[in-house]
Amino acid sequence: MEEKKRISWENYDLYCIIHYVVKNFWLVILSALIFVMAVYLGQRLMLSPKYSSQVTFSVTSRSNSTQIGNLAASSTVAEQFGELLSSDLVQQAAAKRMGMDDFPATVKISAPENTNILNMDVSASTPELAYKSALAIMDTHSEYSKPVFSAVVLDNINGPTIASEASGGSSRTLLLRLSAPLGAAAMILLLVMISIQADTVQTTVGAKHQIDGKLLATIYHEKKKRTLRNRLSRKKTSLLITDPLCSFYYSETIHQLRVMLERAHEKEHKQIFVITSCSENEGKSTVAANLALSLAQKHHRVLLVDGDMRKPAQSLIFEQPMERGSDFGHFLINGFTEQSLLAAVRHSDSTHLHTLFSAGMRRRKMESFSADSFRPIFAALRKNYSYIIVDTPPLGFFADADVMAEAADATVLVVRQDLVPAIAVNDAIDTLNESHSDFLGFVLNNVHSFRAIVLPSGSGRYGYGYGYGYGYGYGYGYGYGHNYGYGYGKSKKKKPDNKTPLKKEDAANE
């Protein structure tokens, strides 16, 4: 399918960009250190320090002692005196006086405007050498300057001085200090560009532009540890809509997703729904568990199957022990009878949810399964349950989800915000569209919004989140932050307390 190439700032969220920079902030620090080291080494290797000794002369005209005459003489003498002192004759005489073969310094002459002042600047590699060079020039220049400057009097009024720091040392120090923030800013800019070029799904508007599928629901960030005791505890817990601490907004989003499945069930008689994702850590197992709980609150024959036999998570989410020999994978390998299969299904009196968990299975056994391996067991479950939610491994890693989709009725893809590139999501959707089941759409999960953080309370700010780490090392942090208004009423019809699946003849009444 042709990819949608639309670049818009609506596709990017400031929170995601900042989060990416913060997550890789070690690169910012490393870049700052590299810049500092590069500038320091460059200054040491390429720029040798120079120290200056300064001498100040006053220029007075012998023929005209007025200020105008002195200024005119100073301007003329500055040019001529500079040529004299920079000549090989004077510098060789100064070097001979210092006991050296070559003159070790450079001489620069300047005359400030509208003054009779003449400044001589002698630069050398060390303060001592610059000072001695200036003294040597002062001692030797008169022998050569008197015949040339017979019309003026050149008096020493200050110097030579001894340099306390290298010339331009302040500018080099400033450059060294600026190198760290410059390096950090360069890396931050690079990380921002990488975050933008990653083309991940960051916003709801962006999801509609980037993904070739229907957006079923947007699940915002939901914290799991809402109390101080839970925050101090290191125990990994899951967030379910049956938890009293679960926010209304998160629960309503799950119920909204449930309505989508109910429509598919009522209009197209869909029973088996596969919940998958492109990659790990996208939250598909939690979405599948909460979706099954939401369905069980309204319907009585709802089954949650943990089809992720590589890294099963549902038994950990519901904190139920797993018994080998009564798991989903055991029946696939060793065969089953309808009675033994239903006996392995667990039922919760409090949630009215039926569950069929899985145990870990070796990769070789999983690779031997095909769609025909799942059709018999799915056919047996169809007779006893009206809604069957199947949690599968990530589609981008294994073919299990694709194989189960062939035997199921419909599929739903869970896409976590700012994790998987849009092109990979579209490839997964193409794979699901090619299967026997119908692709209903995708769920944008774990959505953070910078706007939801900065707005004050009562202005549409909801910042909740949760997370746990099971299975593939899943670490979820989901959230909710938006304005929603829903109205619904509970049916007055009392639900029958069925602890076992209804019989086949009762299926038509549901």
Protein backbone atom coordinates (compact mmCIF):
# COMPACT_ATOMS: atom_id res chain seq x y z
CA MET A 1 0.00 0.00 0.00
CA GLU A 2 1.30 3.43 -0.87
CA GLU A 3 2.57 5.32 2.16
CA LYS A 4 1.10 8.71 3.01
CA LYS A 5 3.86 11.29 2.82
CA ARG A 6 2.53 14.27 4.71
CA ILE A 7 4.80 16.32 6.91
CA SER A 8 2.96 18.55 9.35
CA TRP A 9 3.71 19.91 12.80
CA GLU A 10 0.35 18.47 13.84
CA ASN A 11 2.02 15.06 13.63
CA TYR A 12 4.52 15.94 16.35
CA ASP A 13 4.03 16.49 20.05
CA LEU A 14 6.41 18.66 22.05
CA TYR A 15 6.26 16.22 24.95
CA CYS A 16 7.56 13.38 22.78
CA ILE A 17 10.42 15.50 21.44
CA ILE A 18 11.43 16.64 24.94
CA HIS A 19 11.10 13.10 26.27
CA TYR A 20 13.38 11.81 23.52
CA VAL A 21 15.99 14.45 24.36
CA VAL A 22 15.78 13.72 28.09
CA LYS A 23 16.01 9.97 27.49
CA ASN A 24 19.21 10.51 25.51
CA PHE A 25 20.56 13.31 27.68
CA TRP A 26 23.74 11.35 28.25
CA LEU A 27 24.55 12.10 24.61
CA VAL A 28 24.11 15.81 25.33
CA ILE A 29 26.59 15.61 28.21
CA LEU A 30 29.00 13.55 26.12
CA SER A 31 28.79 16.05 23.26
CA ALA A 32 29.52 18.95 25.64
CA LEU A 33 32.61 17.16 26.99
CA ILE A 34 33.84 16.35 23.48
CA PHE A 35 33.50 19.99 22.42
CA VAL A 36 35.43 21.16 25.49
CA MET A 37 38.22 18.66 24.87
CA ALA A 38 38.39 19.54 21.16
CA VAL A 39 38.62 23.29 21.83
CA TYR A 40 41.20 22.79 24.58
CA LEU A 41 43.42 20.54 22.46
CA GLY A 42 43.03 22.84 19.47
CA GLN A 43 44.18 25.82 21.50
CA ARG A 44 47.14 23.92 22.90
CA LEU A 45 48.29 22.41 19.59
CA MET A 46 47.43 25.10 17.07
CA LEU A 47 47.65 28.36 19.05
CA SER A 48 50.89 28.98 20.92
CA PRO A 49 50.52 31.58 23.71
CA LYS A 50 51.97 35.05 23.18
CA TYR A 51 52.98 37.46 25.95
CA SER A 52 53.33 41.17 25.35
CA SER A 53 55.53 43.81 26.95
CA GLN A 54 54.40 47.35 26.25
CA VAL A 55 56.43 50.55 26.13
CA THR A 56 54.98 54.05 25.82
CA PHE A 57 56.90 56.96 24.30
CA SER A 58 56.05 60.63 24.02
CA VAL A 59 56.94 62.44 20.82
CA THR A 60 57.92 66.10 20.98
CA SER A 61 58.97 68.25 18.03
CA ARG A 62 62.27 70.12 18.45
CA SER A 63 61.22 72.91 16.09
CA ASN A 64 57.59 73.31 17.21
CA SER A 65 56.64 72.64 20.77
CA THR A 66 52.93 73.30 20.25
CA GLN A 67 50.39 70.54 20.44
CA ILE A 68 49.66 70.70 16.72
CA GLY A 69 53.29 70.21 15.90
CA ASN A 70 53.59 67.33 18.33
CA LEU A 71 50.53 65.57 16.85
CA ALA A 72 51.81 65.99 13.32
CA ALA A 73 55.26 64.73 14.37
CA SER A 74 53.72 61.77 16.24
CA SER A 75 51.81 60.61 13.18
CA THR A 76 54.91 60.82 10.99
CA VAL A 77 57.23 59.25 13.56
CA ALA A 78 54.85 56.31 14.23
CA GLU A 79 55.10 55.13 10.68
CA GLN A 80 58.82 55.64 10.33
CA PHE A 81 59.67 54.39 13.80
CA GLY A 82 57.69 51.20 13.18
CA GLU A 83 59.64 50.53 9.99
CA LEU A 84 62.91 51.15 11.81
CA LEU A 85 62.20 48.87 14.75
CA SER A 86 60.93 46.09 12.50
CA SER A 87 64.04 46.29 10.35
CA ASP A 88 66.58 43.49 10.48
CA LEU A 89 69.28 45.97 11.50
CA VAL A 90 67.68 46.97 14.82
CA GLN A 91 66.42 43.48 15.66
CA GLN A 92 69.81 41.88 15.00
CA ALA A 93 71.41 44.48 17.27
CA ALA A 94 68.84 43.72 19.99
CA ALA A 95 69.38 39.97 19.57
CA LYS A 96 73.14 40.45 19.85
CA ARG A 97 72.64 42.47 23.04
CA MET A 98 70.50 39.59 24.42
CA GLY A 99 73.18 37.08 23.46
CA MET A 100 70.97 35.34 20.87
CA ASP A 101 71.40 34.65 17.19
CA ASP A 102 67.83 35.67 16.19
CA PHE A 103 65.47 38.19 17.68
CA PRO A 104 62.86 36.12 19.57
CA ALA A 105 59.97 38.59 19.49
CA THR A 106 57.79 40.66 17.17
CA VAL A 107 57.44 44.41 17.40
CA LYS A 108 54.33 46.46 16.66
CA ILE A 109 54.12 50.27 16.77
CA SER A 110 50.89 52.31 17.06
CA ALA A 111 50.00 55.96 17.67
CA PRO A 112 46.57 56.81 19.13
CA GLU A 113 44.72 59.50 17.20
CA ASN A 114 44.98 63.11 18.37
CA THR A 115 47.81 62.34 20.82
CA ASN A 116 51.58 62.62 20.82
CA ILE A 117 51.82 59.13 22.33
CA LEU A 118 53.66 56.28 20.65
CA ASN A 119 53.05 52.69 21.83
CA MET A 120 55.45 49.82 21.22
CA ASP A 121 54.19 46.26 21.73
CA VAL A 122 56.78 43.47 21.92
CA SER A 123 55.37 39.92 21.81
CA ALA A 124 57.23 36.72 22.68
CA SER A 125 56.55 33.17 23.82
CA THR A 126 57.17 33.93 27.51
CA PRO A 127 56.66 37.03 29.68
CA GLU A 128 60.37 37.12 30.53
CA LEU A 129 61.45 36.92 26.92
CA ALA A 130 59.03 39.69 25.91
CA TYR A 131 60.32 41.95 28.70
CA LYS A 132 64.00 41.37 27.83
CA SER A 133 63.30 41.93 24.14
CA ALA A 134 61.64 45.26 24.89
CA LEU A 135 64.61 46.32 27.04
CA ALA A 136 67.04 45.32 24.31
CA ILE A 137 65.18 47.41 21.72
CA MET A 138 65.07 50.41 24.06
CA ASP A 139 68.82 50.13 24.61
CA THR A 140 69.71 49.77 20.95
CA HIS A 141 67.15 51.80 19.02
CA SER A 142 68.62 55.22 19.92
CA GLU A 143 71.82 54.40 18.03
CA TYR A 144 69.78 54.05 14.84
CA SER A 145 66.81 56.36 15.51
CA LYS A 146 68.65 59.61 16.38
CA PRO A 147 70.01 60.16 12.85
CA VAL A 148 66.54 59.41 11.44
CA PHE A 149 64.45 61.34 13.96
CA SER A 150 66.66 64.35 14.52
CA ALA A 151 63.63 66.70 14.42
CA VAL A 152 61.81 65.05 17.31
CA VAL A 153 62.49 64.00 20.86
CA LEU A 154 61.42 60.47 21.82
CA ASP A 155 60.99 60.05 25.59
CA ASN A 156 60.08 56.85 27.44
CA ILE A 157 57.19 57.61 29.78
CA ASN A 158 56.11 54.04 30.70
CA GLY A 159 57.41 50.50 30.45
CA PRO A 160 58.48 48.02 29.59
CA THR A 161 55.75 46.08 31.36
CA ILE A 162 55.74 42.42 32.36
CA ALA A 163 52.72 40.42 31.04
CA SER A 164 50.71 38.55 33.64
CA GLU A 165 48.72 36.53 31.07
CA ALA A 166 48.96 35.62 27.41
CA SER A 167 47.61 37.96 24.79
CA GLY A 168 44.05 37.02 23.87
CA GLY A 169 43.85 34.75 26.92
CA SER A 170 40.42 36.09 27.88
CA SER A 171 39.02 35.31 24.43
CA ARG A 172 40.44 31.78 24.55
CA THR A 173 38.97 31.28 28.02
CA LEU A 174 35.61 32.56 26.82
CA LEU A 175 35.70 30.19 23.85
CA LEU A 176 36.54 27.30 26.17
CA ARG A 177 33.60 28.18 28.41
CA LEU A 178 31.24 28.49 25.49
CA SER A 179 32.31 25.18 23.97
CA ALA A 180 30.29 23.13 26.49
CA PRO A 181 26.92 24.84 25.88
CA LEU A 182 27.62 24.95 22.14
CA GLY A 183 28.30 21.20 22.10
CA ALA A 184 25.20 20.51 24.18
CA ALA A 185 23.04 22.71 21.94
CA ALA A 186 24.36 20.98 18.82
CA MET A 187 23.48 17.54 20.21
CA ILE A 188 20.02 18.71 21.36
CA LEU A 189 19.35 20.03 17.88
CA LEU A 190 20.50 16.71 16.40
CA LEU A 191 18.25 14.73 18.77
CA VAL A 192 15.28 16.91 17.88
CA MET A 193 15.92 16.27 14.20
CA ILE A 194 16.23 12.52 14.83
CA SER A 195 12.97 12.54 16.79
CA ILE A 196 11.20 14.27 13.92
CA GLN A 197 12.78 12.10 11.23
CA ALA A 198 11.84 8.91 13.12
CA ASP A 199 8.29 9.39 11.84
CA THR A 200 6.69 7.73 14.85
CA VAL A 201 3.06 8.24 15.79
CA GLN A 202 2.95 11.04 18.36
CA THR A 203 -0.49 12.66 18.12
CA THR A 204 -4.04 11.68 17.33
CA VAL A 205 -4.05 13.94 14.28
CA GLY A 206 -0.75 12.45 13.19
CA ALA A 207 -2.14 8.93 13.59
CA LYS A 208 -4.92 9.74 11.14
CA HIS A 209 -2.39 11.17 8.67
CA GLN A 210 0.31 8.53 9.01
CA ILE A 211 -1.55 5.26 9.57
CA ASP A 212 -3.57 3.47 6.90
CA GLY A 213 -6.31 2.33 9.21
CA LYS A 214 -9.19 3.45 11.40
CA LEU A 215 -8.38 4.96 14.78
CA LEU A 216 -10.64 3.13 17.22
CA ALA A 217 -9.60 4.86 20.44
CA THR A 218 -6.89 6.95 22.04
CA ILE A 219 -5.72 5.81 25.49
CA TYR A 220 -3.94 8.53 27.44
CA HIS A 221 -1.29 8.13 30.10
CA GLU A 222 -2.61 6.51 33.26
CA LYS A 223 -0.53 6.18 36.40
CA LYS A 224 -0.75 2.96 38.27
CA LYS A 225 0.70 4.07 41.63
CA ARG A 226 -1.67 6.69 42.98
CA THR A 227 -0.90 6.32 46.69
CA LEU A 228 2.30 6.87 48.66
CA ARG A 229 2.35 3.26 49.77
CA ASN A 230 2.21 2.02 46.20
CA ARG A 231 4.93 4.43 45.14
CA LEU A 232 7.25 3.19 47.86
CA SER A 233 6.52 -0.43 46.99
CA ARG A 234 8.61 -2.05 44.28
CA LYS A 235 5.99 -4.66 43.54
CA LYS A 236 4.94 -4.72 39.90
CA THR A 237 1.22 -4.38 39.59
CA SER A 238 -1.12 -4.03 36.64
CA LEU A 239 -3.88 -1.51 36.12
CA LEU A 240 -7.32 -2.89 35.43
CA ILE A 241 -10.59 -1.04 35.08
CA THR A 242 -11.89 -3.03 38.06
CA ASP A 243 -9.37 -1.24 40.25
CA PRO A 244 -11.13 1.50 42.27
CA LEU A 245 -8.15 3.79 41.67
CA CYS A 246 -8.52 3.56 37.91
CA SER A 247 -9.64 6.92 36.50
CA PHE A 248 -13.03 7.46 34.94
CA TYR A 249 -11.46 8.71 31.73
CA TYR A 250 -9.37 5.60 31.22
CA SER A 251 -12.33 3.32 31.90
CA GLU A 252 -14.54 5.24 29.49
CA THR A 253 -11.95 4.92 26.73
CA ILE A 254 -11.92 1.15 27.22
CA HIS A 255 -15.73 1.13 27.12
CA GLN A 256 -15.60 3.17 23.93
CA LEU A 257 -13.34 0.52 22.41
CA ARG A 258 -15.74 -2.17 23.64
CA VAL A 259 -18.56 -0.55 21.65
CA MET A 260 -16.51 -0.99 18.47
CA LEU A 261 -16.27 -4.73 19.10
CA GLU A 262 -19.96 -4.98 19.98
CA ARG A 263 -20.88 -3.41 16.63
CA ALA A 264 -18.73 -5.94 14.79
CA HIS A 265 -20.35 -8.72 16.81
CA GLU A 266 -23.93 -7.56 16.24
CA LYS A 267 -23.65 -6.57 12.57
CA GLU A 268 -21.12 -9.07 11.25
CA HIS A 269 -21.34 -11.80 13.93
CA LYS A 270 -17.69 -11.50 14.91
CA GLN A 271 -16.76 -13.57 17.95
CA ILE A 272 -12.98 -14.00 18.07
CA PHE A 273 -10.92 -10.81 18.26
CA VAL A 274 -7.12 -10.90 18.05
CA ILE A 275 -5.31 -8.09 19.93
CA THR A 276 -1.73 -7.61 18.75
CA SER A 277 0.97 -4.98 18.25
CA CYS A 278 3.99 -4.32 16.06
CA SER A 279 6.58 -4.45 18.83
CA GLU A 280 6.92 -5.26 22.49
CA ASN A 281 6.22 -2.70 25.21
CA GLU A 282 3.18 -1.31 23.38
CA GLY A 283 0.62 -2.42 25.98
CA LYS A 284 -1.42 -4.93 23.97
CA SER A 285 -1.77 -7.37 26.88
CA THR A 286 -3.20 -4.72 29.20
CA VAL A 287 -5.53 -3.44 26.51
CA ALA A 288 -6.72 -7.00 25.84
CA ALA A 289 -7.29 -7.66 29.57
CA ASN A 290 -9.24 -4.43 30.13
CA LEU A 291 -11.24 -4.88 26.95
CA ALA A 292 -12.26 -8.35 28.09
CA LEU A 293 -13.21 -7.00 31.52
CA SER A 294 -15.31 -4.27 29.92
CA LEU A 295 -17.14 -6.82 27.79
CA ALA A 296 -17.66 -9.05 30.81
CA GLN A 297 -19.33 -6.19 32.67
CA LYS A 298 -22.07 -6.16 30.04
CA HIS A 299 -22.06 -9.71 28.67
CA HIS A 300 -21.80 -13.02 30.48
CA ARG A 301 -20.01 -15.23 28.01
CA VAL A 302 -16.70 -13.42 27.54
CA LEU A 303 -13.42 -15.36 27.35
CA LEU A 304 -9.90 -13.97 27.47
CA VAL A 305 -7.31 -16.28 25.87
CA ASP A 306 -3.61 -15.71 26.41
CA GLY A 307 -2.33 -16.67 22.97
CA ASP A 308 1.12 -15.27 23.68
CA MET A 309 2.71 -18.62 24.39
CA ARG A 310 6.23 -17.27 23.96
CA LYS A 311 6.02 -14.81 26.84
CA PRO A 312 2.61 -15.17 28.51
CA ALA A 313 1.47 -12.19 30.58
CA GLN A 314 -2.23 -12.54 31.40
CA SER A 315 -1.75 -14.80 34.41
CA LEU A 316 0.60 -12.20 35.85
CA ILE A 317 -1.77 -9.34 35.08
CA PHE A 318 -4.60 -11.06 36.95
CA GLU A 319 -2.16 -12.45 39.54
CA GLN A 320 -3.34 -16.01 39.00
CA PRO A 321 -1.08 -19.08 39.30
CA MET A 322 -0.44 -20.98 36.09
CA GLU A 323 -0.99 -24.73 36.14
CA ARG A 324 0.73 -26.69 33.40
CA GLY A 325 -1.43 -29.23 31.65
CA SER A 326 -4.44 -26.90 31.66
CA ASP A 327 -3.04 -24.09 29.55
CA PHE A 328 -3.87 -23.03 26.00
CA GLY A 329 -0.63 -24.36 24.50
CA HIS A 330 -1.09 -27.78 26.11
CA PHE A 331 -4.36 -28.32 24.23
CA LEU A 332 -2.81 -27.20 20.94
CA ILE A 333 -0.01 -29.76 21.23
CA ASN A 334 -1.73 -32.72 22.90
CA GLY A 335 -5.25 -32.32 21.63
CA PHE A 336 -8.41 -31.73 23.64
CA THR A 337 -11.99 -32.62 24.23
CA GLU A 338 -14.61 -29.93 24.67
CA GLN A 339 -15.13 -31.02 28.25
CA SER A 340 -11.41 -30.85 29.14
CA LEU A 341 -11.06 -27.51 27.40
CA LEU A 342 -13.95 -25.94 29.29
CA ALA A 343 -12.67 -27.41 32.55
CA ALA A 344 -9.40 -25.53 32.09
CA VAL A 345 -11.22 -22.20 31.71
CA ARG A 346 -11.27 -20.16 34.91
CA HIS A 347 -14.20 -17.98 35.90
CA SER A 348 -14.22 -14.96 38.22
CA ASP A 349 -17.39 -14.37 40.21
CA SER A 350 -16.47 -10.74 40.79
CA THR A 351 -15.73 -9.76 37.18
CA HIS A 352 -17.77 -12.49 35.38
CA LEU A 353 -14.76 -12.97 33.09
CA HIS A 354 -13.62 -16.36 31.82
CA THR A 355 -9.89 -16.79 31.25
CA LEU A 356 -7.71 -19.38 29.56
CA PHE A 357 -4.07 -18.74 30.39
CA SER A 358 -0.90 -19.99 28.71
CA ALA A 359 2.45 -21.27 29.85
CA GLY A 360 5.75 -20.63 28.14
CA MET A 361 6.52 -22.74 25.09
CA ARG A 362 9.67 -23.40 23.11
CA ARG A 363 10.17 -21.62 19.81
CA ARG A 364 10.36 -24.81 17.75
CA LYS A 365 6.93 -25.92 18.88
CA MET A 366 5.45 -22.50 18.15
CA GLU A 367 6.91 -22.46 14.64
CA SER A 368 5.14 -25.72 13.83
CA PHE A 369 1.68 -24.20 14.34
CA SER A 370 -0.49 -23.08 11.43
CA ALA A 371 -3.93 -21.57 11.13
CA ASP A 372 -5.38 -25.10 10.99
CA SER A 373 -3.84 -25.76 14.41
CA PHE A 374 -6.00 -23.05 15.98
CA ARG A 375 -9.27 -23.54 14.09
CA PRO A 376 -10.45 -26.64 16.05
CA ILE A 377 -9.90 -25.10 19.45
CA PHE A 378 -11.40 -21.77 18.33
CA ALA A 379 -14.41 -23.66 16.93
CA ALA A 380 -14.94 -25.37 20.28
CA LEU A 381 -14.76 -22.05 22.12
CA ARG A 382 -17.20 -20.39 19.71
CA LYS A 383 -19.93 -22.76 20.87
CA ASN A 384 -19.67 -21.60 24.46
CA TYR A 385 -18.63 -17.93 24.34
CA SER A 386 -20.01 -14.96 22.45
CA TYR A 387 -16.88 -12.83 22.81
CA ILE A 388 -13.35 -14.26 22.72
CA ILE A 389 -10.39 -11.88 23.15
CA VAL A 390 -7.03 -13.39 22.12
CA ASP A 391 -3.78 -11.78 23.26
CA THR A 392 -0.98 -12.64 20.80
CA PRO A 393 2.79 -12.02 20.52
CA PRO A 394 3.98 -8.87 18.70
CA LEU A 395 3.37 -9.08 14.98
CA GLY A 396 6.70 -7.51 14.11
CA PHE A 397 8.69 -10.24 15.91
CA PHE A 398 6.79 -13.46 15.26
CA ALA A 399 4.26 -14.86 12.83
CA ASP A 400 2.01 -16.14 15.62
CA ALA A 401 -0.39 -13.20 15.43
CA ASP A 402 -0.69 -13.55 11.66
CA VAL A 403 -1.38 -17.28 12.01
CA MET A 404 -4.03 -16.75 14.70
CA ALA A 405 -5.59 -13.95 12.65
CA GLU A 406 -6.24 -16.48 9.89
CA ALA A 407 -8.36 -18.50 12.31
CA ALA A 408 -9.99 -15.52 14.05
CA ASP A 409 -12.79 -13.17 12.95
CA ALA A 410 -11.27 -9.70 13.50
CA THR A 411 -8.03 -8.06 14.57
CA VAL A 412 -7.11 -4.90 16.49
CA LEU A 413 -3.62 -3.38 16.47
CA VAL A 414 -2.26 -1.56 19.53
CA VAL A 415 0.15 1.26 18.65
CA ARG A 416 2.09 2.93 21.44
CA GLN A 417 2.85 6.63 21.08
CA ASP A 418 6.32 7.51 19.79
CA LEU A 419 7.69 3.96 19.70
CA VAL A 420 7.35 2.34 16.27
CA PRO A 421 7.80 4.18 12.93
CA ALA A 422 4.60 4.72 11.00
CA ILE A 423 5.92 2.71 8.05
CA ALA A 424 6.34 -0.36 10.30
CA VAL A 425 2.79 0.10 11.62
CA ASN A 426 1.44 0.29 8.06
CA ASP A 427 3.36 -2.86 7.12
CA ALA A 428 1.75 -4.66 10.07
CA ILE A 429 -1.68 -3.41 8.99
CA ASP A 430 -1.03 -4.67 5.45
CA THR A 431 -0.20 -8.09 6.90
CA LEU A 432 -3.41 -8.15 8.94
CA ASN A 433 -5.47 -7.00 5.95
CA GLU A 434 -4.15 -9.93 3.95
CA SER A 435 -5.34 -12.43 6.56
CA HIS A 436 -8.72 -14.13 6.66
CA SER A 437 -9.98 -11.94 9.51
CA ASP A 438 -11.16 -8.35 9.21
CA PHE A 439 -8.91 -5.58 10.46
CA LEU A 440 -11.09 -3.31 12.61
CA GLY A 441 -8.52 -0.59 13.26
CA PHE A 442 -5.82 0.46 15.69
CA VAL A 443 -5.65 1.84 19.23
CA LEU A 444 -3.25 4.70 19.97
CA ASN A 445 -1.89 3.81 23.40
CA ASN A 446 0.15 5.47 26.15
CA VAL A 447 -0.40 8.98 24.81
CA HIS A 448 1.36 11.80 26.67
CA SER A 449 0.43 15.38 25.87
CA PHE A 450 2.55 18.42 26.72
CA ARG A 451 -0.63 20.49 26.69
CA ALA A 452 -2.19 18.27 29.35
CA ILE A 453 0.82 18.88 31.60
CA VAL A 454 1.02 22.66 31.38
CA LEU A 455 -2.70 23.40 31.65
CA PRO A 456 -3.99 24.08 35.18
CA SER A 457 -6.39 21.81 36.96
CA GLY A 458 -9.91 22.06 35.62
CA SER A 459 -8.73 22.98 32.11
CA GLY A 460 -8.72 19.54 30.58
CA ARG A 461 -5.67 18.28 32.47
CA TYR A 462 -5.70 14.63 33.39
CA GLY A 463 -2.38 13.05 34.20
CA TYR A 464 -2.73 9.46 35.19
CA GLY A 465 -0.50 6.53 34.36
CA TYR A 466 0.33 2.95 35.09
CA GLY A 467 2.88 0.35 34.19
CA TYR A 468 4.09 -3.15 34.82
CA GLY A 469 6.80 -5.37 33.47
CA TYR A 470 5.87 -8.85 32.38
CA GLY A 471 6.40 -11.16 29.46
CA TYR A 472 8.86 -9.71 26.99
CA GLY A 473 10.05 -7.34 29.65
CA TYR A 474 7.05 -5.19 29.00
CA GLY A 475 7.19 -1.96 30.93
CA TYR A 476 4.03 -0.04 30.37
CA GLY A 477 3.17 3.48 31.27
CA TYR A 478 -0.22 4.42 30.06
CA GLY A 479 -2.06 7.58 30.52
CA TYR A 480 -5.06 9.67 30.04
CA GLY A 481 -5.30 13.39 29.55
CA HIS A 482 -8.21 14.87 27.64
CA ASN A 483 -11.75 16.22 27.86
CA TYR A 484 -14.49 13.68 27.44
CA GLY A 485 -18.15 13.62 28.24
CA TYR A 486 -20.14 10.44 28.11
CA GLY A 487 -23.57 9.47 29.29
CA TYR A 488 -24.76 5.97 29.73
CA GLY A 489 -27.14 4.04 31.92
CA LYS A 490 -27.08 0.60 33.39
CA SER A 491 -29.69 -1.91 32.41
CA LYS A 492 -32.21 -2.73 35.09
CA LYS A 493 -32.19 -6.33 33.97
CA LYS A 494 -30.33 -8.38 36.52
CA LYS A 495 -27.48 -10.40 35.18
CA PRO A 496 -27.66 -14.12 35.86
CA ASP A 497 -24.83 -15.36 37.98
CA ASN A 498 -23.43 -18.00 35.63
CA LYS A 499 -20.23 -19.50 36.85
CA THR A 500 -19.91 -21.80 33.86
CA PRO A 501 -20.31 -21.19 30.14
CA LEU A 502 -23.86 -21.29 28.80
CA LYS A 503 -24.98 -24.25 26.81
CA LYS A 504 -25.17 -24.16 23.03
CA GLU A 505 -28.97 -23.74 22.96
CA ASP A 506 -28.60 -20.57 25.13
CA ALA A 507 -26.16 -18.98 22.71
CA ALA A 508 -28.90 -17.72 20.43
CA ASN A 509 -30.45 -15.70 23.26
CA GLU A 510 -27.34 -13.65 23.95
